[in-house]
Amino acid sequence: MASILVGIFGVVLLETGKFRSVLIIVWALNGFFQSPGGPGSYSTIARWTPNKQRGRWLGIWNVSHNIGGAVAGVLALWGQMYFLMEMFLGCLLFLLLLHF
């Protein structure tokens, strides 16, 4: 499903040429559909943890998104280097030659 939506998004961007307006609309829709998750997760943590430990667990919850994003980036880079090292080096060489 995600690949279909990304494909549609790419075709719309290429065909219309209105990159900024489409990106603003998609970003607004992203925020609209993700916004109900915050209050639900905070109320769940608040109900499951004692008052003295609530700040710690809410802090861990907030940091987990940043740590998860960093770990996902490292894993993606490792997967690319492990499985597609030749392609990675070829792209790097192309970018270096393009730059100079």
PDB file of N, CA and C in Angstrom:
ATOM      1  N   MET A   1       0.819  -1.186   0.000  1.00  0.00           N
ATOM      2  CA  MET A   1       0.000   0.000   0.000  1.00  0.00           C
ATOM      3  C   MET A   1       0.872   1.263   0.000  1.00  0.00           C
ATOM      4  N   ALA A   2       1.905   1.249   0.835  1.00  0.00           N
ATOM      5  CA  ALA A   2       2.776   2.426   0.919  1.00  0.00           C
ATOM      6  C   ALA A   2       3.483   2.683  -0.409  1.00  0.00           C
ATOM      7  N   SER A   3       3.935   1.626  -1.077  1.00  0.00           N
ATOM      8  CA  SER A   3       4.633   1.825  -2.349  1.00  0.00           C
ATOM      9  C   SER A   3       3.698   2.375  -3.418  1.00  0.00           C
ATOM     10  N   ILE A   4       2.440   1.985  -3.370  1.00  0.00           N
ATOM     11  CA  ILE A   4       1.463   2.521  -4.324  1.00  0.00           C
ATOM     12  C   ILE A   4       1.259   4.011  -4.077  1.00  0.00           C
ATOM     13  N   LEU A   5       1.118   4.388  -2.793  1.00  0.00           N
ATOM     14  CA  LEU A   5       0.932   5.797  -2.470  1.00  0.00           C
ATOM     15  C   LEU A   5       2.157   6.635  -2.827  1.00  0.00           C
ATOM     16  N   VAL A   6       3.341   6.101  -2.585  1.00  0.00           N
ATOM     17  CA  VAL A   6       4.565   6.821  -2.953  1.00  0.00           C
ATOM     18  C   VAL A   6       4.649   6.970  -4.473  1.00  0.00           C
ATOM     19  N   GLY A   7       4.265   5.941  -5.205  1.00  0.00           N
ATOM     20  CA  GLY A   7       4.255   6.025  -6.657  1.00  0.00           C
ATOM     21  C   GLY A   7       3.278   7.071  -7.170  1.00  0.00           C
ATOM     22  N   ILE A   8       2.075   7.087  -6.600  1.00  0.00           N
ATOM     23  CA  ILE A   8       1.085   8.099  -6.978  1.00  0.00           C
ATOM     24  C   ILE A   8       1.604   9.492  -6.644  1.00  0.00           C
ATOM     25  N   PHE A   9       2.207   9.622  -5.476  1.00  0.00           N
ATOM     26  CA  PHE A   9       2.761  10.904  -5.049  1.00  0.00           C
ATOM     27  C   PHE A   9       3.832  11.382  -6.026  1.00  0.00           C
ATOM     28  N   GLY A  10       4.696  10.493  -6.451  1.00  0.00           N
ATOM     29  CA  GLY A  10       5.739  10.854  -7.409  1.00  0.00           C
ATOM     30  C   GLY A  10       5.187  11.255  -8.753  1.00  0.00           C
ATOM     31  N   VAL A  11       4.188  10.541  -9.242  1.00  0.00           N
ATOM     32  CA  VAL A  11       3.578  10.874 -10.530  1.00  0.00           C
ATOM     33  C   VAL A  11       2.894  12.232 -10.461  1.00  0.00           C
ATOM     34  N   VAL A  12       2.179  12.488  -9.364  1.00  0.00           N
ATOM     35  CA  VAL A  12       1.501  13.782  -9.221  1.00  0.00           C
ATOM     36  C   VAL A  12       2.523  14.912  -9.193  1.00  0.00           C
ATOM     37  N   LEU A  13       3.612  14.722  -8.465  1.00  0.00           N
ATOM     38  CA  LEU A  13       4.636  15.763  -8.408  1.00  0.00           C
ATOM     39  C   LEU A  13       5.269  16.006  -9.766  1.00  0.00           C
ATOM     40  N   LEU A  14       5.541  14.953 -10.503  1.00  0.00           N
ATOM     41  CA  LEU A  14       6.175  15.124 -11.806  1.00  0.00           C
ATOM     42  C   LEU A  14       5.225  15.726 -12.840  1.00  0.00           C
ATOM     43  N   GLU A  15       3.972  15.343 -12.782  1.00  0.00           N
ATOM     44  CA  GLU A  15       3.022  15.806 -13.792  1.00  0.00           C
ATOM     45  C   GLU A  15       2.540  17.223 -13.550  1.00  0.00           C
ATOM     46  N   THR A  16       2.323  17.592 -12.299  1.00  0.00           N
ATOM     47  CA  THR A  16       1.771  18.921 -12.029  1.00  0.00           C
ATOM     48  C   THR A  16       2.844  19.987 -11.926  1.00  0.00           C
ATOM     49  N   GLY A  17       4.016  19.636 -11.436  1.00  0.00           N
ATOM     50  CA  GLY A  17       5.071  20.616 -11.261  1.00  0.00           C
ATOM     51  C   GLY A  17       4.859  21.522 -10.067  1.00  0.00           C
ATOM     52  N   LYS A  18       3.830  21.262  -9.271  1.00  0.00           N
ATOM     53  CA  LYS A  18       3.539  22.073  -8.086  1.00  0.00           C
ATOM     54  C   LYS A  18       4.074  21.344  -6.849  1.00  0.00           C
ATOM     55  N   PHE A  19       5.378  21.331  -6.742  1.00  0.00           N
ATOM     56  CA  PHE A  19       6.009  20.571  -5.679  1.00  0.00           C
ATOM     57  C   PHE A  19       5.658  21.115  -4.290  1.00  0.00           C
ATOM     58  N   ARG A  20       5.786  22.402  -4.124  1.00  0.00           N
ATOM     59  CA  ARG A  20       5.612  22.998  -2.795  1.00  0.00           C
ATOM     60  C   ARG A  20       4.182  22.822  -2.287  1.00  0.00           C
ATOM     61  N   SER A  21       3.196  23.094  -3.113  1.00  0.00           N
ATOM     62  CA  SER A  21       1.811  22.994  -2.646  1.00  0.00           C
ATOM     63  C   SER A  21       1.427  21.554  -2.331  1.00  0.00           C
ATOM     64  N   VAL A  22       1.877  20.610  -3.137  1.00  0.00           N
ATOM     65  CA  VAL A  22       1.572  19.202  -2.874  1.00  0.00           C
ATOM     66  C   VAL A  22       2.260  18.747  -1.593  1.00  0.00           C
ATOM     67  N   LEU A  23       3.506  19.158  -1.385  1.00  0.00           N
ATOM     68  CA  LEU A  23       4.205  18.773  -0.163  1.00  0.00           C
ATOM     69  C   LEU A  23       3.549  19.367   1.075  1.00  0.00           C
ATOM     70  N   ILE A  24       3.083  20.601   0.994  1.00  0.00           N
ATOM     71  CA  ILE A  24       2.402  21.219   2.134  1.00  0.00           C
ATOM     72  C   ILE A  24       1.106  20.479   2.450  1.00  0.00           C
ATOM     73  N   ILE A  25       0.360  20.113   1.429  1.00  0.00           N
ATOM     74  CA  ILE A  25      -0.892  19.385   1.647  1.00  0.00           C
ATOM     75  C   ILE A  25      -0.622  18.017   2.257  1.00  0.00           C
ATOM     76  N   VAL A  26       0.354  17.302   1.730  1.00  0.00           N
ATOM     77  CA  VAL A  26       0.668  15.968   2.261  1.00  0.00           C
ATOM     78  C   VAL A  26       1.189  16.073   3.696  1.00  0.00           C
ATOM     79  N   TRP A  27       2.004  17.090   3.985  1.00  0.00           N
ATOM     80  CA  TRP A  27       2.523  17.265   5.345  1.00  0.00           C
ATOM     81  C   TRP A  27       1.388  17.574   6.315  1.00  0.00           C
ATOM     82  N   ALA A  28       0.432  18.394   5.886  1.00  0.00           N
ATOM     83  CA  ALA A  28      -0.723  18.709   6.735  1.00  0.00           C
ATOM     84  C   ALA A  28      -1.564  17.465   6.986  1.00  0.00           C
ATOM     85  N   LEU A  29      -1.782  16.659   5.963  1.00  0.00           N
ATOM     86  CA  LEU A  29      -2.539  15.413   6.151  1.00  0.00           C
ATOM     87  C   LEU A  29      -1.811  14.455   7.075  1.00  0.00           C
ATOM     88  N   ASN A  30      -0.482  14.400   6.958  1.00  0.00           N
ATOM     89  CA  ASN A  30       0.311  13.561   7.847  1.00  0.00           C
ATOM     90  C   ASN A  30       0.108  13.983   9.301  1.00  0.00           C
ATOM     91  N   GLY A  31       0.204  15.275   9.570  1.00  0.00           N
ATOM     92  CA  GLY A  31      -0.003  15.761  10.928  1.00  0.00           C
ATOM     93  C   GLY A  31      -1.418  15.528  11.425  1.00  0.00           C
ATOM     94  N   PHE A  32      -2.397  15.696  10.540  1.00  0.00           N
ATOM     95  CA  PHE A  32      -3.793  15.489  10.926  1.00  0.00           C
ATOM     96  C   PHE A  32      -4.051  14.044  11.341  1.00  0.00           C
ATOM     97  N   PHE A  33      -3.520  13.090  10.582  1.00  0.00           N
ATOM     98  CA  PHE A  33      -3.789  11.693  10.883  1.00  0.00           C
ATOM     99  C   PHE A  33      -2.917  11.146  12.013  1.00  0.00           C
ATOM    100  N   GLN A  34      -1.765  11.767  12.287  1.00  0.00           N
ATOM    101  CA  GLN A  34      -0.929  11.306  13.386  1.00  0.00           C
ATOM    102  C   GLN A  34      -1.253  11.983  14.709  1.00  0.00           C
ATOM    103  N   SER A  35      -1.965  13.099  14.681  1.00  0.00           N
ATOM    104  CA  SER A  35      -2.215  13.862  15.901  1.00  0.00           C
ATOM    105  C   SER A  35      -3.029  13.120  16.960  1.00  0.00           C
ATOM    106  N   PRO A  36      -3.971  12.245  16.637  1.00  0.00           N
ATOM    107  CA  PRO A  36      -4.692  11.555  17.714  1.00  0.00           C
ATOM    108  C   PRO A  36      -3.829  10.563  18.506  1.00  0.00           C
ATOM    109  N   GLY A  37      -2.681  10.190  18.001  1.00  0.00           N
ATOM    110  CA  GLY A  37      -1.855   9.208  18.703  1.00  0.00           C
ATOM    111  C   GLY A  37      -1.180   9.746  19.947  1.00  0.00           C
ATOM    112  N   GLY A  38      -0.846  11.023  19.971  1.00  0.00           N
ATOM    113  CA  GLY A  38      -0.139  11.610  21.112  1.00  0.00           C
ATOM    114  C   GLY A  38      -0.909  11.555  22.412  1.00  0.00           C
ATOM    115  N   PRO A  39      -2.127  12.117  22.468  1.00  0.00           N
ATOM    116  CA  PRO A  39      -2.875  12.086  23.730  1.00  0.00           C
ATOM    117  C   PRO A  39      -3.184  10.673  24.216  1.00  0.00           C
ATOM    118  N   GLY A  40      -3.460   9.764  23.284  1.00  0.00           N
ATOM    119  CA  GLY A  40      -3.743   8.386  23.694  1.00  0.00           C
ATOM    120  C   GLY A  40      -2.537   7.710  24.325  1.00  0.00           C
ATOM    121  N   SER A  41      -1.370   7.933  23.740  1.00  0.00           N
ATOM    122  CA  SER A  41      -0.171   7.300  24.299  1.00  0.00           C
ATOM    123  C   SER A  41       0.193   7.913  25.647  1.00  0.00           C
ATOM    124  N   TYR A  42       0.040   9.225  25.782  1.00  0.00           N
ATOM    125  CA  TYR A  42       0.361   9.857  27.063  1.00  0.00           C
ATOM    126  C   TYR A  42      -0.604   9.425  28.162  1.00  0.00           C
ATOM    127  N   SER A  43      -1.888   9.318  27.833  1.00  0.00           N
ATOM    128  CA  SER A  43      -2.837   8.881  28.869  1.00  0.00           C
ATOM    129  C   SER A  43      -2.597   7.430  29.258  1.00  0.00           C
ATOM    130  N   THR A  44      -2.179   6.596  28.306  1.00  0.00           N
ATOM    131  CA  THR A  44      -1.869   5.201  28.639  1.00  0.00           C
ATOM    132  C   THR A  44      -0.665   5.125  29.568  1.00  0.00           C
ATOM    133  N   ILE A  45       0.377   5.884  29.278  1.00  0.00           N
ATOM    134  CA  ILE A  45       1.555   5.885  30.143  1.00  0.00           C
ATOM    135  C   ILE A  45       1.201   6.445  31.511  1.00  0.00           C
ATOM    136  N   ALA A  46       0.386   7.489  31.551  1.00  0.00           N
ATOM    137  CA  ALA A  46      -0.002   8.092  32.829  1.00  0.00           C
ATOM    138  C   ALA A  46      -0.816   7.127  33.683  1.00  0.00           C
ATOM    139  N   ARG A  47      -1.619   6.295  33.070  1.00  0.00           N
ATOM    140  CA  ARG A  47      -2.434   5.344  33.831  1.00  0.00           C
ATOM    141  C   ARG A  47      -1.639   4.125  34.283  1.00  0.00           C
ATOM    142  N   TRP A  48      -0.627   3.740  33.556  1.00  0.00           N
ATOM    143  CA  TRP A  48       0.104   2.524  33.862  1.00  0.00           C
ATOM    144  C   TRP A  48       1.289   2.734  34.793  1.00  0.00           C
ATOM    145  N   THR A  49       1.712   3.962  34.980  1.00  0.00           N
ATOM    146  CA  THR A  49       2.901   4.201  35.800  1.00  0.00           C
ATOM    147  C   THR A  49       2.532   4.963  37.065  1.00  0.00           C
ATOM    148  N   PRO A  50       3.266   4.711  38.154  1.00  0.00           N
ATOM    149  CA  PRO A  50       3.031   5.480  39.382  1.00  0.00           C
ATOM    150  C   PRO A  50       3.449   6.945  39.207  1.00  0.00           C
ATOM    151  N   ASN A  51       2.939   7.814  40.067  1.00  0.00           N
ATOM    152  CA  ASN A  51       3.215   9.247  39.941  1.00  0.00           C
ATOM    153  C   ASN A  51       4.700   9.566  40.011  1.00  0.00           C
ATOM    154  N   LYS A  52       5.454   8.874  40.835  1.00  0.00           N
ATOM    155  CA  LYS A  52       6.879   9.178  40.988  1.00  0.00           C
ATOM    156  C   LYS A  52       7.703   8.775  39.774  1.00  0.00           C
ATOM    157  N   GLN A  53       7.249   7.822  38.987  1.00  0.00           N
ATOM    158  CA  GLN A  53       8.002   7.354  37.818  1.00  0.00           C
ATOM    159  C   GLN A  53       7.425   7.854  36.498  1.00  0.00           C
ATOM    160  N   ARG A  54       6.378   8.640  36.555  1.00  0.00           N
ATOM    161  CA  ARG A  54       5.690   9.068  35.326  1.00  0.00           C
ATOM    162  C   ARG A  54       6.599   9.903  34.428  1.00  0.00           C
ATOM    163  N   GLY A  55       7.356  10.824  34.998  1.00  0.00           N
ATOM    164  CA  GLY A  55       8.242  11.661  34.193  1.00  0.00           C
ATOM    165  C   GLY A  55       9.314  10.853  33.486  1.00  0.00           C
ATOM    166  N   ARG A  56       9.854   9.864  34.173  1.00  0.00           N
ATOM    167  CA  ARG A  56      10.887   9.018  33.569  1.00  0.00           C
ATOM    168  C   ARG A  56      10.332   8.272  32.358  1.00  0.00           C
ATOM    169  N   TRP A  57       9.163   7.669  32.520  1.00  0.00           N
ATOM    170  CA  TRP A  57       8.602   6.878  31.428  1.00  0.00           C
ATOM    171  C   TRP A  57       8.136   7.750  30.264  1.00  0.00           C
ATOM    172  N   LEU A  58       7.626   8.939  30.570  1.00  0.00           N
ATOM    173  CA  LEU A  58       7.257   9.841  29.480  1.00  0.00           C
ATOM    174  C   LEU A  58       8.509  10.331  28.742  1.00  0.00           C
ATOM    175  N   GLY A  59       9.600  10.548  29.467  1.00  0.00           N
ATOM    176  CA  GLY A  59      10.859  10.920  28.830  1.00  0.00           C
ATOM    177  C   GLY A  59      11.395   9.811  27.938  1.00  0.00           C
ATOM    178  N   ILE A  60      11.319   8.587  28.416  1.00  0.00           N
ATOM    179  CA  ILE A  60      11.756   7.444  27.603  1.00  0.00           C
ATOM    180  C   ILE A  60      10.885   7.332  26.351  1.00  0.00           C
ATOM    181  N   TRP A  61       9.584   7.563  26.515  1.00  0.00           N
ATOM    182  CA  TRP A  61       8.679   7.499  25.365  1.00  0.00           C
ATOM    183  C   TRP A  61       9.037   8.564  24.325  1.00  0.00           C
ATOM    184  N   ASN A  62       9.341   9.769  24.768  1.00  0.00           N
ATOM    185  CA  ASN A  62       9.697  10.836  23.831  1.00  0.00           C
ATOM    186  C   ASN A  62      11.024  10.560  23.128  1.00  0.00           C
ATOM    187  N   VAL A  63      12.007  10.064  23.854  1.00  0.00           N
ATOM    188  CA  VAL A  63      13.319   9.805  23.276  1.00  0.00           C
ATOM    189  C   VAL A  63      13.285   8.587  22.356  1.00  0.00           C
ATOM    190  N   SER A  64      12.359   7.681  22.583  1.00  0.00           N
ATOM    191  CA  SER A  64      12.325   6.452  21.782  1.00  0.00           C
ATOM    192  C   SER A  64      12.106   6.746  20.303  1.00  0.00           C
ATOM    193  N   HIS A  65      11.379   7.798  19.981  1.00  0.00           N
ATOM    194  CA  HIS A  65      11.167   8.138  18.563  1.00  0.00           C
ATOM    195  C   HIS A  65      12.468   8.566  17.914  1.00  0.00           C
ATOM    196  N   ASN A  66      13.262   9.366  18.608  1.00  0.00           N
ATOM    197  CA  ASN A  66      14.539   9.813  18.057  1.00  0.00           C
ATOM    198  C   ASN A  66      15.531   8.664  17.954  1.00  0.00           C
ATOM    199  N   ILE A  67      15.598   7.847  18.991  1.00  0.00           N
ATOM    200  CA  ILE A  67      16.513   6.710  18.973  1.00  0.00           C
ATOM    201  C   ILE A  67      16.088   5.711  17.894  1.00  0.00           C
ATOM    202  N   GLY A  68      14.792   5.482  17.772  1.00  0.00           N
ATOM    203  CA  GLY A  68      14.296   4.571  16.739  1.00  0.00           C
ATOM    204  C   GLY A  68      14.627   5.046  15.338  1.00  0.00           C
ATOM    205  N   GLY A  69      14.510   6.358  15.107  1.00  0.00           N
ATOM    206  CA  GLY A  69      14.870   6.907  13.801  1.00  0.00           C
ATOM    207  C   GLY A  69      16.350   6.761  13.509  1.00  0.00           C
ATOM    208  N   ALA A  70      17.173   6.976  14.527  1.00  0.00           N
ATOM    209  CA  ALA A  70      18.618   6.830  14.339  1.00  0.00           C
ATOM    210  C   ALA A  70      18.989   5.373  14.079  1.00  0.00           C
ATOM    211  N   VAL A  71      18.394   4.459  14.826  1.00  0.00           N
ATOM    212  CA  VAL A  71      18.687   3.036  14.642  1.00  0.00           C
ATOM    213  C   VAL A  71      18.215   2.575  13.256  1.00  0.00           C
ATOM    214  N   ALA A  72      17.057   3.061  12.826  1.00  0.00           N
ATOM    215  CA  ALA A  72      16.566   2.686  11.492  1.00  0.00           C
ATOM    216  C   ALA A  72      17.512   3.177  10.402  1.00  0.00           C
ATOM    217  N   GLY A  73      18.045   4.390  10.560  1.00  0.00           N
ATOM    218  CA  GLY A  73      19.000   4.904   9.580  1.00  0.00           C
ATOM    219  C   GLY A  73      20.277   4.097   9.546  1.00  0.00           C
ATOM    220  N   VAL A  74      20.780   3.726  10.719  1.00  0.00           N
ATOM    221  CA  VAL A  74      22.004   2.922  10.781  1.00  0.00           C
ATOM    222  C   VAL A  74      21.766   1.543  10.171  1.00  0.00           C
ATOM    223  N   LEU A  75      20.626   0.933  10.483  1.00  0.00           N
ATOM    224  CA  LEU A  75      20.313  -0.380   9.906  1.00  0.00           C
ATOM    225  C   LEU A  75      20.147  -0.307   8.392  1.00  0.00           C
ATOM    226  N   ALA A  76      19.526   0.765   7.902  1.00  0.00           N
ATOM    227  CA  ALA A  76      19.377   0.909   6.448  1.00  0.00           C
ATOM    228  C   ALA A  76      20.734   1.070   5.780  1.00  0.00           C
ATOM    229  N   LEU A  77      21.608   1.858   6.380  1.00  0.00           N
ATOM    230  CA  LEU A  77      22.943   2.033   5.810  1.00  0.00           C
ATOM    231  C   LEU A  77      23.725   0.730   5.858  1.00  0.00           C
ATOM    232  N   TRP A  78      23.613  -0.006   6.970  1.00  0.00           N
ATOM    233  CA  TRP A  78      24.306  -1.288   7.076  1.00  0.00           C
ATOM    234  C   TRP A  78      23.777  -2.258   6.017  1.00  0.00           C
ATOM    235  N   GLY A  79      22.458  -2.305   5.843  1.00  0.00           N
ATOM    236  CA  GLY A  79      21.879  -3.203   4.837  1.00  0.00           C
ATOM    237  C   GLY A  79      22.322  -2.845   3.441  1.00  0.00           C
ATOM    238  N   GLN A  80      22.397  -1.553   3.177  1.00  0.00           N
ATOM    239  CA  GLN A  80      22.849  -1.129   1.862  1.00  0.00           C
ATOM    240  C   GLN A  80      24.310  -1.509   1.646  1.00  0.00           C
ATOM    241  N   MET A  81      25.134  -1.306   2.659  1.00  0.00           N
ATOM    242  CA  MET A  81      26.553  -1.616   2.504  1.00  0.00           C
ATOM    243  C   MET A  81      26.792  -3.125   2.472  1.00  0.00           C
ATOM    244  N   TYR A  82      25.971  -3.889   3.184  1.00  0.00           N
ATOM    245  CA  TYR A  82      26.158  -5.335   3.218  1.00  0.00           C
ATOM    246  C   TYR A  82      25.658  -5.988   1.936  1.00  0.00           C
ATOM    247  N   PHE A  83      24.509  -5.558   1.465  1.00  0.00           N
ATOM    248  CA  PHE A  83      23.898  -6.214   0.321  1.00  0.00           C
ATOM    249  C   PHE A  83      24.196  -5.512  -1.007  1.00  0.00           C
ATOM    250  N   LEU A  84      24.389  -4.205  -0.990  1.00  0.00           N
ATOM    251  CA  LEU A  84      24.525  -3.446  -2.231  1.00  0.00           C
ATOM    252  C   LEU A  84      25.783  -2.586  -2.241  1.00  0.00           C
ATOM    253  N   MET A  85      26.880  -3.121  -1.753  1.00  0.00           N
ATOM    254  CA  MET A  85      28.098  -2.327  -1.613  1.00  0.00           C
ATOM    255  C   MET A  85      28.605  -1.809  -2.954  1.00  0.00           C
ATOM    256  N   GLU A  86      28.548  -2.621  -3.985  1.00  0.00           N
ATOM    257  CA  GLU A  86      29.038  -2.185  -5.280  1.00  0.00           C
ATOM    258  C   GLU A  86      28.198  -1.040  -5.818  1.00  0.00           C
ATOM    259  N   MET A  87      26.897  -1.128  -5.646  1.00  0.00           N
ATOM    260  CA  MET A  87      26.028  -0.066  -6.120  1.00  0.00           C
ATOM    261  C   MET A  87      26.281   1.217  -5.321  1.00  0.00           C
ATOM    262  N   PHE A  88      26.499   1.074  -4.025  1.00  0.00           N
ATOM    263  CA  PHE A  88      26.792   2.224  -3.178  1.00  0.00           C
ATOM    264  C   PHE A  88      28.078   2.907  -3.619  1.00  0.00           C
ATOM    265  N   LEU A  89      29.111   2.121  -3.876  1.00  0.00           N
ATOM    266  CA  LEU A  89      30.375   2.700  -4.320  1.00  0.00           C
ATOM    267  C   LEU A  89      30.247   3.336  -5.701  1.00  0.00           C
ATOM    268  N   GLY A  90      29.468   2.728  -6.561  1.00  0.00           N
ATOM    269  CA  GLY A  90      29.248   3.303  -7.885  1.00  0.00           C
ATOM    270  C   GLY A  90      28.518   4.637  -7.803  1.00  0.00           C
ATOM    271  N   CYS A  91      27.506   4.725  -6.953  1.00  0.00           N
ATOM    272  CA  CYS A  91      26.787   5.991  -6.780  1.00  0.00           C
ATOM    273  C   CYS A  91      27.694   7.042  -6.167  1.00  0.00           C
ATOM    274  N   LEU A  92      28.520   6.639  -5.210  1.00  0.00           N
ATOM    275  CA  LEU A  92      29.447   7.573  -4.579  1.00  0.00           C
ATOM    276  C   LEU A  92      30.466   8.084  -5.598  1.00  0.00           C
ATOM    277  N   LEU A  93      30.976   7.205  -6.419  1.00  0.00           N
ATOM    278  CA  LEU A  93      31.930   7.613  -7.456  1.00  0.00           C
ATOM    279  C   LEU A  93      31.264   8.538  -8.461  1.00  0.00           C
ATOM    280  N   PHE A  94      30.038   8.238  -8.845  1.00  0.00           N
ATOM    281  CA  PHE A  94      29.302   9.103  -9.769  1.00  0.00           C
ATOM    282  C   PHE A  94      29.103  10.493  -9.176  1.00  0.00           C
ATOM    283  N   LEU A  95      28.740  10.564  -7.899  1.00  0.00           N
ATOM    284  CA  LEU A  95      28.538  11.867  -7.262  1.00  0.00           C
ATOM    285  C   LEU A  95      29.853  12.640  -7.158  1.00  0.00           C
ATOM    286  N   LEU A  96      30.927  11.931  -6.873  1.00  0.00           N
ATOM    287  CA  LEU A  96      32.221  12.612  -6.807  1.00  0.00           C
ATOM    288  C   LEU A  96      32.643  13.137  -8.174  1.00  0.00           C
ATOM    289  N   LEU A  97      32.433  12.339  -9.214  1.00  0.00           N
ATOM    290  CA  LEU A  97      32.789  12.789 -10.554  1.00  0.00           C
ATOM    291  C   LEU A  97      31.881  13.932 -11.011  1.00  0.00           C
ATOM    292  N   LEU A  98      30.644  13.888 -10.596  1.00  0.00           N
ATOM    293  CA  LEU A  98      29.699  14.945 -10.952  1.00  0.00           C
ATOM    294  C   LEU A  98      30.061  16.255 -10.259  1.00  0.00           C
ATOM    295  N   HIS A  99      30.563  16.133  -9.056  1.00  0.00           N
ATOM    296  CA  HIS A  99      30.923  17.331  -8.276  1.00  0.00           C
ATOM    297  C   HIS A  99      32.158  18.028  -8.831  1.00  0.00           C
ATOM    298  N   PHE A 100      33.105  17.267  -9.325  1.00  0.00           N
ATOM    299  CA  PHE A 100      34.370  17.874  -9.792  1.00  0.00           C
ATOM    300  C   PHE A 100      34.369  18.026 -11.250  1.00  0.00           C
TER     301      PHE A 100
END
